Protein backbone atom coordinates (compact mmCIF):
# COMPACT_ATOMS: atom_id res chain seq x y z
CA MET A 1 -22.59 -12.00 -3.02
CA PHE A 2 -18.81 -12.20 -3.01
CA VAL A 3 -16.69 -9.14 -2.33
CA ILE A 4 -13.23 -9.14 -3.91
CA VAL A 5 -10.68 -7.55 -1.61
CA LYS A 6 -7.61 -6.25 -3.39
CA ILE A 7 -4.48 -6.86 -1.32
CA MET A 8 -2.00 -3.99 -1.31
CA SER A 9 1.50 -4.61 -0.03
CA ASN A 10 5.08 -3.55 -0.63
CA PHE A 11 5.84 -7.24 -1.21
CA LEU A 12 3.14 -7.99 -3.78
CA PHE A 13 5.79 -9.00 -6.35
CA LEU A 14 6.52 -12.09 -4.21
CA LYS A 15 2.97 -13.40 -4.34
CA GLU A 16 3.16 -15.04 -7.75
CA ASN A 17 6.52 -16.80 -7.28
CA ASN A 18 6.51 -17.67 -3.57
CA LYS A 19 3.16 -17.35 -1.84
CA ASN A 20 4.52 -18.70 1.44
CA LEU A 21 7.10 -15.91 1.72
CA PHE A 22 4.49 -13.37 0.71
CA ASN A 23 2.05 -14.49 3.42
CA ILE A 24 4.75 -14.37 6.10
CA ILE A 25 5.77 -10.80 5.33
CA LEU A 26 2.18 -9.69 4.70
CA GLU A 27 1.46 -10.70 8.31
CA ALA A 28 4.42 -8.58 9.46
CA GLU A 29 2.95 -5.54 7.69
CA LYS A 30 -0.43 -6.15 9.35
CA LEU A 31 1.20 -6.47 12.79
CA PHE A 32 3.01 -3.18 12.23
CA ARG A 33 -0.21 -1.37 11.26
CA ASP A 34 -1.89 -2.73 14.41
CA GLU A 35 1.10 -1.43 16.42
CA TYR A 36 2.28 -4.89 17.45
CA PHE A 37 5.83 -3.78 16.76
CA GLU A 38 7.62 -6.54 18.66
CA GLN A 39 5.67 -9.25 16.86
CA ALA A 40 6.34 -7.50 13.54
CA VAL A 41 10.10 -7.64 14.21
CA ILE A 42 9.90 -11.35 15.07
CA GLN A 43 7.92 -11.99 11.88
CA THR A 44 10.56 -10.27 9.74
CA ARG A 45 13.16 -12.58 11.29
CA ARG A 46 11.03 -15.56 10.32
CA PHE A 47 10.76 -14.11 6.83
CA ALA A 48 14.55 -13.71 6.54
CA GLU A 49 15.16 -17.32 7.64
CA ASN A 50 12.69 -18.58 5.05
CA ILE A 51 14.39 -16.46 2.39
CA CYS A 52 17.60 -18.39 3.17
CA ARG A 53 15.79 -21.71 2.93
CA ALA A 54 14.22 -20.70 -0.37
CA LEU A 55 17.64 -19.77 -1.78
CA LEU A 56 19.43 -22.92 -0.61
CA GLN A 57 16.47 -25.28 -1.23
CA ASP A 58 17.66 -28.92 -1.15
CA LYS A 59 21.09 -27.78 0.09
CA VAL A 60 19.55 -27.04 3.52
CA LEU A 61 20.48 -29.64 6.14
CA ALA A 62 17.81 -31.14 8.40
CA ASP A 63 19.16 -29.60 11.62
CA GLU A 64 20.64 -26.45 10.05
CA THR A 65 20.41 -23.20 12.00
CA PHE A 66 19.71 -19.72 10.66
CA ASP A 67 23.33 -18.74 11.42
CA SER A 68 24.67 -21.70 9.50
CA MET A 69 22.56 -20.88 6.44
CA ILE A 70 23.71 -17.25 6.44
CA ASN A 71 27.34 -18.37 6.70
CA ARG A 72 26.99 -20.78 3.79
CA ILE A 73 25.46 -18.06 1.62
CA LYS A 74 28.21 -15.70 2.77
CA ASP A 75 30.90 -18.22 1.74
CA ASN A 76 29.57 -18.01 -1.81
CA SER A 77 29.20 -14.23 -1.94
CA PHE A 78 32.35 -13.78 -4.07
CA GLY A 79 33.02 -10.47 -2.30
CA ASN A 80 30.10 -8.83 -4.08
CA VAL A 81 28.89 -5.53 -2.54
CA ARG A 82 25.20 -6.30 -3.05
CA MET A 83 25.69 -9.72 -1.51
CA LYS A 84 27.42 -8.13 1.49
CA GLU A 85 24.42 -5.82 1.99
CA PHE A 86 22.13 -8.85 1.73
CA ILE A 87 24.14 -10.68 4.42
CA ASP A 88 24.19 -7.59 6.67
CA ASP A 89 20.39 -7.30 6.41
CA LEU A 90 19.98 -10.99 7.28
CA TYR A 91 22.15 -10.61 10.38
CA PHE A 92 20.25 -7.46 11.42
CA LEU A 93 16.86 -9.16 11.15
CA LYS A 94 18.12 -12.28 12.95
CA LYS A 95 19.64 -10.27 15.78
CA HIS A 96 16.65 -8.05 16.49
CA GLY A 97 14.18 -10.88 15.92
CA ASN A 98 15.97 -12.94 18.55
CA ILE A 99 16.10 -10.03 20.99
CA SER A 100 12.35 -9.41 20.58
CA ALA A 101 11.51 -13.10 20.91
CA HIS A 102 13.39 -13.42 24.21
CA SER A 103 12.57 -10.03 25.69
CA LEU A 104 10.74 -10.00 29.04
CA ASN A 105 8.95 -6.74 28.22
CA ALA A 106 6.93 -5.96 25.11
CA SER A 107 8.72 -3.51 22.83
CA LYS A 108 6.95 -0.42 21.53
CA ASN A 109 9.77 0.54 19.18
CA GLY A 110 7.95 1.38 15.95
CA LYS A 111 11.12 2.84 14.42
CA LEU A 112 12.95 -0.49 14.77
CA ALA A 113 9.97 -2.42 13.38
CA LEU A 114 9.87 -0.08 10.39
CA GLU A 115 13.59 -0.56 9.73
CA CYS A 116 13.12 -4.32 9.90
CA LEU A 117 10.37 -4.14 7.29
CA GLU A 118 12.54 -1.95 5.07
CA ARG A 119 15.44 -4.41 5.33
CA ALA A 120 13.03 -7.28 4.69
CA TYR A 121 12.05 -5.47 1.49
CA GLU A 122 15.70 -5.19 0.41
CA ILE A 123 16.39 -8.90 0.92
CA SER A 124 13.17 -9.86 -0.86
CA VAL A 125 14.15 -7.79 -3.93
CA PHE A 126 17.61 -9.39 -3.92
CA TYR A 127 16.11 -12.86 -3.51
CA SER A 128 13.67 -12.27 -6.37
CA ASN A 129 16.43 -11.04 -8.70
CA VAL A 130 18.67 -14.03 -7.90
CA LYS A 131 15.94 -16.67 -8.00
CA TYR A 132 13.70 -15.50 -10.83
CA GLY A 133 15.94 -13.30 -12.97
CA TYR A 134 17.04 -9.68 -12.75
CA ASN A 135 14.24 -7.12 -12.87
CA LYS A 136 15.56 -3.58 -13.37
CA LYS A 137 12.29 -1.89 -12.34
CA LEU A 138 12.04 -3.96 -9.15
CA ASP A 139 15.72 -3.41 -8.37
CA LYS A 140 15.25 0.38 -8.49
CA SER A 141 12.00 0.32 -6.49
CA LEU A 142 11.78 1.72 -2.96
CA PHE A 143 9.89 0.62 0.13
CA SER A 144 6.80 2.80 0.59
CA GLU A 145 5.83 3.86 4.11
CA GLU A 146 2.61 5.31 2.68
CA LEU A 147 1.62 1.94 1.20
CA LEU A 148 2.51 0.22 4.47
CA MET A 149 0.36 2.55 6.59
CA THR A 150 -2.60 3.20 4.27
CA GLU A 151 -2.52 0.14 2.00
CA LYS A 152 -2.93 2.62 -0.86
CA LYS A 153 -0.71 4.03 -3.57
CA SER A 154 -0.75 7.66 -4.60
CA SER A 155 -2.27 8.15 -8.03
CA SER A 156 0.56 8.56 -10.52
CA LYS A 157 -1.69 10.85 -12.57
CA ARG A 158 -2.25 13.16 -9.60
CA LEU A 159 1.47 13.21 -8.86
CA LYS A 160 2.27 14.10 -12.49
CA GLU A 161 -0.27 16.93 -12.41
CA LYS A 162 1.17 18.23 -9.15
CA TYR A 163 4.76 18.25 -10.42
CA SER A 164 3.66 19.68 -13.78
CA ASN A 165 1.97 22.64 -12.04
CA GLU A 166 5.02 23.19 -9.86
CA LEU A 167 7.23 23.19 -12.94
CA LYS A 168 5.03 25.76 -14.68
CA LYS A 169 5.16 28.05 -11.64
CA SER A 170 8.93 27.72 -11.51
CA ARG A 171 9.30 28.60 -15.20
CA LYS A 172 6.98 31.58 -14.91
CA LYS A 173 8.95 32.94 -11.98
CA SER A 174 12.24 32.46 -13.81
CA SER A 175 11.03 34.36 -16.87
CA THR A 176 10.63 37.54 -14.80
CA ASN A 177 14.30 37.53 -13.91
CA LYS A 178 16.80 37.50 -16.76
CA LEU A 179 19.75 36.71 -14.52
CA ALA A 180 17.94 33.80 -12.90
CA LYS A 181 17.07 32.48 -16.35
CA THR A 182 20.70 32.62 -17.46
CA LEU A 183 21.83 30.80 -14.34
CA LYS A 184 19.16 28.18 -14.86
CA ILE A 185 20.43 27.45 -18.39
CA LYS A 186 23.97 27.04 -17.10
CA GLN A 187 22.81 24.77 -14.31
CA LYS A 188 20.77 22.75 -16.77
CA SER A 189 23.81 22.25 -19.00
CA LYS A 190 25.94 21.21 -16.03
CA LYS A 191 23.24 18.83 -14.82
CA LYS A 192 23.00 17.26 -18.29
CA ASN A 193 26.72 16.52 -18.32
CA THR A 194 26.51 15.12 -14.80
CA ASN A 195 23.53 12.95 -15.74
CA THR A 196 25.39 11.61 -18.79
CA LYS A 197 28.26 10.57 -16.55
CA LYS A 198 25.87 9.08 -13.99
CA ASN A 199 23.98 7.18 -16.71
CA PHE A 200 27.25 5.66 -17.95
CA GLN A 201 28.19 4.66 -14.40
CA THR A 202 24.71 3.20 -13.88
CA ILE A 203 25.06 1.06 -17.02
CA ILE A 204 28.43 -0.30 -15.86
CA ILE A 205 27.08 -1.02 -12.35
CA SER A 206 23.92 -2.65 -13.77
CA LEU A 207 26.03 -4.92 -15.99
CA PHE A 208 28.18 -5.89 -13.01
CA ILE A 209 25.10 -6.64 -10.90
CA LEU A 210 23.52 -8.63 -13.73
CA ILE A 211 26.65 -10.78 -14.20
CA THR A 212 26.88 -11.38 -10.43
CA LEU A 213 23.19 -12.30 -10.18
CA CYS A 214 23.57 -14.72 -13.08
CA CYS A 215 26.46 -16.42 -11.24
CA LEU A 216 24.35 -16.63 -8.08
CA PHE A 217 21.36 -17.90 -10.06
CA LEU A 218 23.49 -20.69 -11.54
CA TYR A 219 24.93 -21.54 -8.10
CA PHE A 220 21.62 -21.73 -6.25
CA ASN A 221 19.93 -23.68 -9.06
CA LYS A 222 22.54 -26.40 -9.48
């Protein structure tokens, strides 16, 4: 009898397009859960280097170093803010991966290992958007510490029920106080105007990101 084990990971979106990258970072998550923090940090560095290789593909030279690959990607960043964040994350993972690999004493810094995994998530989202096309839902997604630690996701239905009950309690409490209700209406109106402005800004930023990613996609797939 075969038992199907469902793999849960923050990086599951990578599995279909690049299984090698997915397996590398999946191992980093496992090392973190087993409290092998130093090894987890080293594994995220390996992941970052392979992200660079996957982006550059046949443009990678035989004896090219991680530093050299980062610099070549940086040279084609066009001053883009998202690209700058991507480069910063690569340097961070390289630096701490190197320190951990050459350290004489085993590190027990879980906080650093967690930050490395979070940064690895950011570069993987960027890589996926550049290489396989912009995905708005993925771009707005966040790294989940709960999923990392428990390999489980909270039920969206349960979360909706929880927030729905909290909202009902809040409304009931407000109805007993006329002044509070009036203030709530004013705040709601102000929030709506603010959200409209934010939505407009989000559209402009999304368009800018999409155009930049298209340029990068064309560059890396020449």
